[in-house]
Protein backbone atom coordinates (compact mmCIF):
# COMPACT_ATOMS: atom_id res chain seq x y z
CA MET A 1 85.49 -34.80 168.73
CA GLN A 2 86.61 -32.23 166.17
CA GLU A 3 84.07 -29.98 164.48
CA ASP A 4 84.23 -29.23 160.76
CA LYS A 5 84.83 -25.58 159.95
CA VAL A 6 83.03 -23.81 157.15
CA VAL A 7 85.41 -21.86 154.92
CA TYR A 8 84.05 -19.21 152.57
CA THR A 9 86.13 -18.29 149.54
CA LYS A 10 84.33 -14.94 149.22
CA PRO A 11 82.97 -12.64 151.92
CA TYR A 12 79.59 -13.83 153.20
CA GLY A 13 76.61 -12.27 151.45
CA VAL A 14 75.52 -11.22 148.00
CA THR A 15 77.66 -9.17 145.63
CA VAL A 16 75.73 -6.11 144.47
CA THR A 17 76.76 -3.86 141.58
CA LEU A 18 75.03 -0.50 141.56
CA GLN A 19 74.56 0.97 138.08
CA PRO A 20 75.18 3.48 136.59
CA GLN A 21 77.61 4.28 139.47
CA ASN A 22 79.46 1.00 138.78
CA GLU A 23 79.99 0.57 142.54
CA THR A 24 80.27 -2.97 143.94
CA ARG A 25 79.42 -3.98 147.52
CA THR A 26 79.00 -7.21 149.44
CA LEU A 27 75.82 -7.08 151.53
CA LYS A 28 74.07 -9.44 153.93
CA ALA A 29 70.59 -9.50 152.40
CA ARG A 30 68.25 -12.50 152.24
CA SER A 31 65.63 -10.95 149.94
CA VAL A 32 65.38 -8.28 147.28
CA ARG A 33 63.20 -6.22 149.65
CA GLN A 34 65.87 -6.34 152.36
CA LEU A 35 68.57 -5.44 149.81
CA LEU A 36 66.60 -2.41 148.64
CA ASN A 37 66.10 -1.29 152.25
CA ILE A 38 69.85 -1.54 152.88
CA ILE A 39 70.72 0.60 149.86
CA LYS A 40 67.71 2.90 150.45
CA ALA A 41 66.18 2.35 147.01
CA SER A 42 62.53 2.15 146.03
CA PRO A 43 61.39 -0.84 143.93
CA ALA A 44 59.75 1.68 141.57
CA THR A 45 63.08 3.35 140.75
CA VAL A 46 65.39 0.37 140.11
CA LEU A 47 65.66 -2.92 138.25
CA VAL A 48 67.11 -5.82 140.24
CA ILE A 49 68.80 -8.41 138.03
CA ARG A 50 70.31 -11.86 138.76
CA ASN A 51 71.65 -14.00 135.89
CA ASN A 52 69.84 -11.83 133.29
CA GLU A 53 66.53 -12.33 135.14
CA LEU A 54 64.52 -9.44 136.60
CA LEU A 55 63.66 -10.00 140.27
CA THR A 56 60.65 -8.72 142.19
CA SER A 57 60.94 -7.52 145.79
CA ASP A 58 59.55 -10.79 147.21
CA ARG A 59 62.35 -12.94 145.75
CA LYS A 60 64.88 -14.63 148.05
CA LEU A 61 68.64 -14.15 147.67
CA SER A 62 71.36 -16.70 148.47
CA HIS A 63 74.97 -16.48 149.57
CA GLY A 64 77.15 -15.92 146.53
CA ASP A 65 74.45 -14.37 144.33
CA GLU A 66 75.70 -11.65 142.00
CA ILE A 67 73.08 -8.94 141.71
CA ILE A 68 72.86 -5.83 139.54
CA VAL A 69 70.74 -2.92 140.79
CA ARG A 70 70.18 -0.58 137.86
CA THR A 71 68.60 2.83 138.42
CA VAL A 72 65.76 3.51 135.97
CA VAL A 73 65.54 7.01 134.53
CA SER A 74 62.36 8.12 132.83
CA SER A 75 62.08 11.23 130.74
CA GLY A 76 58.97 12.36 129.10
């Protein structure tokens, strides 16, 4: 009996673009919280965006998601 093989067209994980650095990485993260831990960012200092929607740290991520992590700068 032959087993079916899974073929991924992109590297496994989520594609993350860090802004304003404009750096793109593919990371194996299953939640926003895990993603922020990997990139060593605090939820209070960044916006996490998927398909023009802001995500909170409890949201799940899926293979193939394209995420933007935008650093928030406050001056006052």
